[in-house]
Amino acid sequence: MTDIARTFQTAPAAVPRDNTAKYLDSALDSEGFACPDWLVPDLEDGTAPDMKAEALANVVDRLPEHADAFPGEIWPRVQWAYDDATAREQGREEIRTLVDEVGEHVDGVVVPKVGRLEDVKEAAGVVADAEREFGFEDGAIGMAVIVETAAAKSDLREISLFGANSRLDALVFGPVDYTAELGGRELDGERPRWDGLLEDLSNEASANDLVAIGGPFDRLFTERAGVTFYNGDGYADHVEREARVGLDGSWSLYPKQTIQANRIHMPTSDELARDVRKIEAFQEAKSEGTGAVTVEGQMVDEATFKNFVNTVETVRTIDERHPDQTAEAYDDDDDLLERALTVDTTWD
């Protein structure tokens, strides 16, 4: 099971440049808040049809040299489609090649356009077969699926239940294909928000110990008064909406989006200071033998305490992967991060 997935950054694995691995190289070498929790080398929609083979070759070539130093997880997106036998066969071959050539450097594979539960099981079986064939332990290679078809949405609960006891680690939303399949319309420049689906995704993922990741925001740039600029406000609104309904992370198409999503899906200094202070006060009151513990006027029971602890545990997990991010985020308070890393979070 993955430990953190604030950012799901897709990077085309081959582009028509002198260095066809330009964007993959840049992502693998990213630092600070520009470094995603999940890097997704894209062999599917992000790569032109005539460059698929080169994209796979770039991933196989680059990962042995760069993966060990990359602090996040690496999840290539392969080709797949529940209604396209050719795409599924291409995906099978890509999965076999990835497991064979760089299996020790990938955390899992991302399977797009899945259909009903049986299609998800078929994809999981392909990964299992590749593990056995190339000498990996069962479950060594995880799997995430992109929920972007009516069939997958209809079977979302069954797929999530399957994930509770299988290699399936994450559910990712794909709004563009989902809108197209349902015949949704873009009105006034806006596609449907699909708020209900995001809430269902969050609920089913939480119920089955899966990661839930929102869909891409492709309005990268906007224009005003004749000037084109990065649409940071639009993306921040998008990520905050996903965070409010409990999604663990957001899809990133661009390094600036990764920086924003990493920060939004991370407790602020004020949030961390508040919850560390409350845990410390609770532990002090408990050590003095107080029966009912009140902290800053708030009665603290086990459920309340867990909310405080969730904030601290999130920061601890980020610190394990990205200590440069936590050092930068909490540098205004000299001892806040140290207190968060050492405070006693046990209830009993």
Protein backbone atom coordinates (compact mmCIF):
# COMPACT_ATOMS: atom_id res chain seq x y z
CA MET A 1 0.00 0.00 0.00
CA THR A 2 1.35 3.43 -0.96
CA ASP A 3 2.08 5.82 1.90
CA ILE A 4 1.31 9.17 0.30
CA ALA A 5 -0.03 10.39 -3.03
CA ARG A 6 -0.65 14.14 -2.95
CA THR A 7 0.41 14.51 -6.57
CA PHE A 8 -0.10 12.23 -9.56
CA GLN A 9 2.08 13.85 -12.24
CA THR A 10 1.85 12.43 -15.73
CA ALA A 11 4.88 13.00 -17.95
CA PRO A 12 4.90 12.03 -21.64
CA ALA A 13 7.57 9.35 -21.98
CA ALA A 14 8.36 10.41 -25.54
CA VAL A 15 7.85 13.72 -27.34
CA PRO A 16 8.97 14.95 -30.78
CA ARG A 17 12.14 16.70 -29.58
CA ASP A 18 15.83 16.08 -30.07
CA ASN A 19 15.73 14.44 -26.65
CA THR A 20 12.47 12.50 -26.84
CA ALA A 21 12.66 11.81 -23.08
CA LYS A 22 12.85 15.54 -22.24
CA TYR A 23 9.83 15.65 -19.94
CA LEU A 24 10.55 12.29 -18.34
CA ASP A 25 14.12 13.40 -17.58
CA SER A 26 12.89 16.68 -16.10
CA ALA A 27 10.38 14.93 -13.85
CA LEU A 28 12.89 12.36 -12.61
CA ASP A 29 15.32 15.16 -11.70
CA SER A 30 12.71 17.39 -10.01
CA GLU A 31 13.39 18.71 -6.51
CA GLY A 32 11.58 20.39 -3.64
CA PHE A 33 7.86 20.99 -4.03
CA ALA A 34 8.18 20.36 -7.79
CA CYS A 35 8.84 16.68 -7.04
CA PRO A 36 5.62 14.64 -7.21
CA ASP A 37 4.67 11.87 -4.81
CA TRP A 38 3.70 9.77 -7.83
CA LEU A 39 5.50 10.21 -11.14
CA VAL A 40 3.51 8.63 -13.97
CA PRO A 41 5.57 8.10 -17.15
CA ASP A 42 2.82 8.20 -19.74
CA LEU A 43 2.71 5.56 -22.46
CA GLU A 44 -0.96 6.22 -23.21
CA ASP A 45 -2.74 9.47 -24.11
CA GLY A 46 0.24 11.71 -23.35
CA THR A 47 2.35 10.03 -26.04
CA ALA A 48 1.64 10.22 -29.76
CA PRO A 49 0.58 6.93 -31.40
CA ASP A 50 3.74 6.72 -33.51
CA MET A 51 5.99 7.19 -30.45
CA LYS A 52 4.62 4.49 -28.13
CA ALA A 53 7.54 2.11 -28.69
CA GLU A 54 10.08 4.88 -28.11
CA ALA A 55 8.23 5.95 -24.98
CA LEU A 56 8.52 2.44 -23.53
CA ALA A 57 12.20 2.31 -24.50
CA ASN A 58 12.80 5.67 -22.77
CA VAL A 59 11.25 4.40 -19.52
CA VAL A 60 13.33 1.22 -19.65
CA ASP A 61 16.45 3.27 -20.37
CA ARG A 62 15.99 6.04 -17.80
CA LEU A 63 14.68 4.29 -14.69
CA PRO A 64 17.76 2.19 -13.81
CA GLU A 65 19.86 5.34 -13.66
CA HIS A 66 17.41 7.73 -11.98
CA ALA A 67 14.78 5.78 -10.03
CA ASP A 68 16.83 5.07 -6.91
CA ALA A 69 17.48 8.78 -6.34
CA PHE A 70 13.89 9.79 -7.03
CA PRO A 71 12.15 10.29 -3.65
CA GLY A 72 8.61 9.60 -4.85
CA GLU A 73 6.97 6.55 -6.40
CA ILE A 74 7.02 5.63 -10.08
CA TRP A 75 3.81 4.35 -11.74
CA PRO A 76 3.93 4.10 -15.56
CA ARG A 77 0.57 4.47 -17.31
CA VAL A 78 0.18 1.72 -19.90
CA GLN A 79 -2.28 1.36 -22.76
CA TRP A 80 -5.61 -0.34 -22.03
CA ALA A 81 -9.30 -0.03 -22.85
CA TYR A 82 -12.14 -2.28 -21.80
CA ASP A 83 -13.68 -2.06 -25.29
CA ASP A 84 -10.52 -2.28 -27.41
CA ALA A 85 -8.77 -5.66 -27.71
CA THR A 86 -5.79 -4.09 -29.50
CA ALA A 87 -5.19 -1.60 -26.67
CA ARG A 88 -5.41 -4.39 -24.09
CA GLU A 89 -2.87 -6.49 -26.00
CA GLN A 90 -0.53 -3.49 -26.20
CA GLY A 91 -0.99 -3.00 -22.46
CA ARG A 92 -0.16 -6.64 -21.75
CA GLU A 93 3.11 -6.33 -23.66
CA GLU A 94 3.97 -3.04 -21.97
CA ILE A 95 3.34 -4.52 -18.52
CA ARG A 96 5.48 -7.57 -19.32
CA THR A 97 8.33 -5.37 -20.58
CA LEU A 98 8.17 -3.03 -17.60
CA VAL A 99 8.17 -5.86 -15.06
CA ASP A 100 10.93 -7.71 -16.91
CA GLU A 101 13.23 -4.75 -17.56
CA VAL A 102 12.59 -2.32 -14.69
CA GLY A 103 10.31 -4.15 -12.27
CA GLU A 104 12.57 -3.34 -9.33
CA HIS A 105 12.27 0.38 -10.14
CA VAL A 106 8.48 0.74 -10.45
CA ASP A 107 5.94 0.74 -7.64
CA GLY A 108 3.06 -0.20 -9.89
CA VAL A 109 1.29 0.41 -13.18
CA VAL A 110 -1.64 2.68 -13.99
CA VAL A 111 -4.33 1.04 -16.13
CA PRO A 112 -6.68 3.46 -17.95
CA LYS A 113 -10.18 3.08 -19.37
CA VAL A 114 -11.09 0.02 -17.32
CA GLY A 115 -14.62 -1.30 -17.56
CA ARG A 116 -16.48 -3.51 -15.13
CA LEU A 117 -14.97 -5.56 -12.33
CA GLU A 118 -13.99 -8.43 -14.62
CA ASP A 119 -11.89 -6.08 -16.74
CA VAL A 120 -10.05 -4.82 -13.64
CA LYS A 121 -9.44 -8.43 -12.59
CA GLU A 122 -8.09 -9.19 -16.06
CA ALA A 123 -5.59 -6.33 -15.79
CA ALA A 124 -4.56 -7.46 -12.30
CA GLY A 125 -4.04 -10.96 -13.68
CA VAL A 126 -1.70 -9.63 -16.36
CA VAL A 127 0.45 -8.01 -13.66
CA ALA A 128 0.38 -11.21 -11.57
CA ASP A 129 1.44 -13.31 -14.56
CA ALA A 130 4.35 -10.96 -15.29
CA GLU A 131 5.48 -11.12 -11.66
CA ARG A 132 5.56 -14.90 -11.74
CA GLU A 133 7.28 -15.01 -15.13
CA PHE A 134 10.07 -12.66 -14.13
CA GLY A 135 10.66 -13.80 -10.57
CA PHE A 136 8.94 -11.15 -8.44
CA GLU A 137 6.98 -11.87 -5.28
CA ASP A 138 3.22 -11.79 -5.56
CA GLY A 139 2.03 -8.23 -4.99
CA ALA A 140 5.42 -6.62 -5.61
CA ILE A 141 3.96 -4.53 -8.44
CA GLY A 142 0.88 -2.51 -7.51
CA MET A 143 -1.91 -1.32 -9.76
CA ALA A 144 -4.02 1.82 -10.05
CA VAL A 145 -7.03 2.16 -12.33
CA ILE A 146 -8.48 5.25 -13.95
CA VAL A 147 -12.23 5.46 -13.51
CA GLU A 148 -13.29 7.13 -16.76
CA THR A 149 -16.03 4.93 -18.18
CA ALA A 150 -19.68 4.39 -17.37
CA ALA A 151 -18.97 0.69 -16.77
CA ALA A 152 -16.27 1.42 -14.18
CA LYS A 153 -18.50 3.93 -12.39
CA SER A 154 -21.34 1.41 -12.33
CA ASP A 155 -19.03 -1.18 -10.73
CA LEU A 156 -17.13 1.28 -8.53
CA ARG A 157 -18.13 -0.39 -5.26
CA GLU A 158 -17.28 -3.88 -6.54
CA ILE A 159 -13.95 -2.66 -7.92
CA SER A 160 -13.14 -0.99 -4.62
CA LEU A 161 -14.02 -4.10 -2.63
CA PHE A 162 -11.72 -6.09 -4.92
CA GLY A 163 -9.00 -3.55 -4.15
CA ALA A 164 -9.30 -4.19 -0.42
CA ASN A 165 -7.71 -7.62 -0.86
CA SER A 166 -5.66 -7.34 -4.04
CA ARG A 167 -2.82 -5.45 -5.67
CA LEU A 168 -5.18 -2.59 -6.55
CA ASP A 169 -3.91 0.43 -4.62
CA ALA A 170 -5.62 3.47 -6.10
CA LEU A 171 -8.63 4.88 -7.93
CA VAL A 172 -8.00 7.83 -10.24
CA PHE A 173 -10.69 9.91 -11.92
CA GLY A 174 -10.54 10.55 -15.67
CA PRO A 175 -13.14 13.26 -16.37
CA VAL A 176 -12.44 13.89 -20.05
CA ASP A 177 -13.12 10.35 -21.26
CA TYR A 178 -15.95 9.97 -18.75
CA THR A 179 -17.67 13.11 -20.03
CA ALA A 180 -17.27 11.95 -23.62
CA GLU A 181 -18.63 8.47 -22.90
CA LEU A 182 -21.70 9.85 -21.14
CA GLY A 183 -22.30 12.41 -23.86
CA GLY A 184 -21.75 15.28 -21.46
CA ARG A 185 -21.43 18.80 -22.85
CA GLU A 186 -19.02 21.63 -22.28
CA LEU A 187 -21.08 24.75 -21.71
CA ASP A 188 -19.63 28.24 -21.29
CA GLY A 189 -16.15 26.74 -21.50
CA GLU A 190 -16.70 24.38 -18.56
CA ARG A 191 -17.04 20.60 -18.49
CA PRO A 192 -19.27 18.96 -15.84
CA ARG A 193 -17.72 18.93 -12.37
CA TRP A 194 -18.96 15.44 -11.45
CA ASP A 195 -18.99 16.28 -7.74
CA GLY A 196 -21.07 13.23 -6.87
CA LEU A 197 -18.60 10.89 -8.54
CA LEU A 198 -15.69 12.46 -6.65
CA GLU A 199 -17.56 11.95 -3.38
CA ASP A 200 -18.26 8.31 -4.28
CA LEU A 201 -14.62 7.82 -5.24
CA SER A 202 -13.48 9.23 -1.90
CA ASN A 203 -15.96 7.13 0.07
CA GLU A 204 -15.23 3.82 -1.66
CA ALA A 205 -11.49 4.37 -1.48
CA SER A 206 -11.63 5.18 2.22
CA ALA A 207 -13.85 2.18 2.94
CA ASN A 208 -11.36 -0.17 1.29
CA ASP A 209 -8.01 1.40 2.23
CA LEU A 210 -7.31 2.69 -1.27
CA VAL A 211 -5.88 5.97 -2.49
CA ALA A 212 -8.27 8.34 -4.29
CA ILE A 213 -6.87 10.80 -6.81
CA GLY A 214 -8.74 13.49 -8.70
CA GLY A 215 -8.72 14.23 -12.40
CA PRO A 216 -6.55 16.57 -14.48
CA PHE A 217 -7.10 20.30 -14.83
CA ASP A 218 -6.09 21.12 -18.39
CA ARG A 219 -6.79 24.85 -18.45
CA LEU A 220 -3.08 25.44 -17.88
CA PHE A 221 -3.08 29.02 -19.14
CA THR A 222 -5.60 31.84 -19.21
CA GLU A 223 -5.73 35.24 -20.84
CA ARG A 224 -6.68 38.67 -19.62
CA ALA A 225 -6.24 42.05 -21.29
CA GLY A 226 -4.17 40.50 -24.03
CA VAL A 227 -1.73 38.77 -21.66
CA THR A 228 -1.52 34.99 -21.33
CA PHE A 229 -0.41 33.63 -17.96
CA TYR A 230 -0.36 30.41 -15.91
CA ASN A 231 -3.80 29.65 -14.48
CA GLY A 232 -2.70 29.06 -10.90
CA ASP A 233 -5.95 30.33 -9.39
CA GLY A 234 -8.05 27.92 -11.44
CA TYR A 235 -5.91 24.93 -10.53
CA ALA A 236 -5.81 25.85 -6.84
CA ASP A 237 -9.62 26.02 -6.79
CA HIS A 238 -9.72 22.61 -8.50
CA VAL A 239 -7.37 20.97 -5.98
CA GLU A 240 -9.05 22.56 -2.97
CA ARG A 241 -12.42 21.20 -4.15
CA GLU A 242 -10.89 17.70 -4.33
CA ALA A 243 -9.26 18.07 -0.92
CA ARG A 244 -12.56 19.11 0.68
CA VAL A 245 -14.24 15.83 -0.31
CA GLY A 246 -11.34 13.77 1.04
CA LEU A 247 -9.35 12.88 -2.06
CA ASP A 248 -5.78 11.97 -1.17
CA GLY A 249 -4.19 13.69 -4.13
CA SER A 250 -4.63 15.52 -7.40
CA TRP A 251 -3.57 14.94 -10.97
CA SER A 252 -0.79 17.22 -12.22
CA LEU A 253 0.06 17.96 -15.84
CA TYR A 254 2.76 20.55 -15.23
CA PRO A 255 5.51 21.22 -12.65
CA LYS A 256 3.77 24.37 -11.37
CA GLN A 257 0.64 22.29 -10.74
CA THR A 258 2.74 19.80 -8.79
CA ILE A 259 4.06 22.57 -6.55
CA GLN A 260 0.53 23.77 -5.80
CA ALA A 261 -1.01 20.34 -5.21
CA ASN A 262 1.84 19.26 -2.94
CA ARG A 263 1.22 22.30 -0.77
CA ILE A 264 -2.59 22.19 -0.75
CA HIS A 265 -2.63 18.50 0.23
CA MET A 266 -0.24 19.26 3.11
CA PRO A 267 -1.14 20.72 6.51
CA THR A 268 -0.34 24.42 6.80
CA SER A 269 1.95 25.72 9.53
CA ASP A 270 -1.09 26.99 11.44
CA GLU A 271 -2.87 23.62 11.19
CA LEU A 272 0.21 21.71 12.30
CA ALA A 273 0.96 24.08 15.19
CA ARG A 274 -2.67 23.89 16.37
CA ASP A 275 -2.82 20.10 16.40
CA VAL A 276 0.65 19.57 17.86
CA ARG A 277 -0.26 21.98 20.65
CA LYS A 278 -3.50 20.13 21.33
CA ILE A 279 -1.76 16.74 21.42
CA GLU A 280 0.86 18.09 23.81
CA ALA A 281 -1.82 19.58 26.07
CA PHE A 282 -3.78 16.33 26.00
CA GLN A 283 -0.71 14.28 26.96
CA GLU A 284 0.12 16.68 29.78
CA ALA A 285 -3.41 16.53 31.19
CA LYS A 286 -3.46 12.75 30.89
CA SER A 287 -0.16 12.45 32.77
CA GLU A 288 -1.69 14.44 35.62
CA GLY A 289 -4.52 11.93 35.92
CA THR A 290 -7.29 14.15 34.66
CA GLY A 291 -10.41 12.15 33.84
CA ALA A 292 -12.17 14.10 31.15
CA VAL A 293 -9.59 16.07 29.16
CA THR A 294 -10.45 19.51 27.85
CA VAL A 295 -7.98 21.24 25.53
CA GLU A 296 -8.46 24.94 24.74
CA GLY A 297 -12.11 24.65 25.72
CA GLN A 298 -12.68 21.55 23.57
CA MET A 299 -13.62 18.22 25.09
CA VAL A 300 -11.24 15.65 23.61
CA ASP A 301 -12.43 12.10 22.99
CA GLU A 302 -10.69 9.40 20.97
CA ALA A 303 -12.22 10.50 17.66
CA THR A 304 -11.20 14.11 18.22
CA PHE A 305 -7.70 13.03 19.16
CA LYS A 306 -7.40 11.00 15.95
CA ASN A 307 -8.08 14.14 13.93
CA PHE A 308 -5.15 15.85 15.62
CA VAL A 309 -2.97 12.81 15.04
CA ASN A 310 -3.93 12.59 11.36
CA THR A 311 -2.40 16.00 10.79
CA VAL A 312 0.83 15.01 12.51
CA GLU A 313 1.07 11.62 10.81
CA THR A 314 0.60 13.24 7.41
CA VAL A 315 3.51 15.55 8.07
CA ARG A 316 5.65 12.68 9.34
CA THR A 317 4.97 10.69 6.17
CA ILE A 318 5.82 13.65 3.94
CA ASP A 319 8.99 14.24 5.95
CA GLU A 320 10.13 10.66 5.35
CA ARG A 321 9.82 11.09 1.59
CA HIS A 322 10.50 14.79 1.14
CA PRO A 323 12.39 16.31 4.10
CA ASP A 324 13.25 19.31 1.94
CA GLN A 325 9.54 20.07 1.57
CA THR A 326 8.77 19.91 5.29
CA ALA A 327 11.86 21.97 6.13
CA GLU A 328 10.68 24.69 3.75
CA ALA A 329 7.01 24.54 4.72
CA TYR A 330 7.56 24.85 8.47
CA ASP A 331 10.66 27.06 8.64
CA ASP A 332 8.75 29.98 10.21
CA ASP A 333 8.66 28.15 13.55
CA ASP A 334 12.09 26.91 14.58
CA ASP A 335 10.90 23.91 16.60
CA LEU A 336 7.48 23.11 15.12
CA LEU A 337 8.67 20.34 12.82
CA GLU A 338 10.78 18.74 15.55
CA ARG A 339 7.80 18.80 17.92
CA ALA A 340 5.60 17.19 15.25
CA LEU A 341 8.14 14.43 14.68
CA THR A 342 8.57 13.63 18.36
CA VAL A 343 5.23 14.29 20.06
CA ASP A 344 3.55 11.23 21.63
CA THR A 345 0.52 10.39 19.46
CA THR A 346 -0.70 7.39 21.46
CA TRP A 347 -4.21 7.60 22.94
CA ASP A 348 -3.89 5.09 25.79
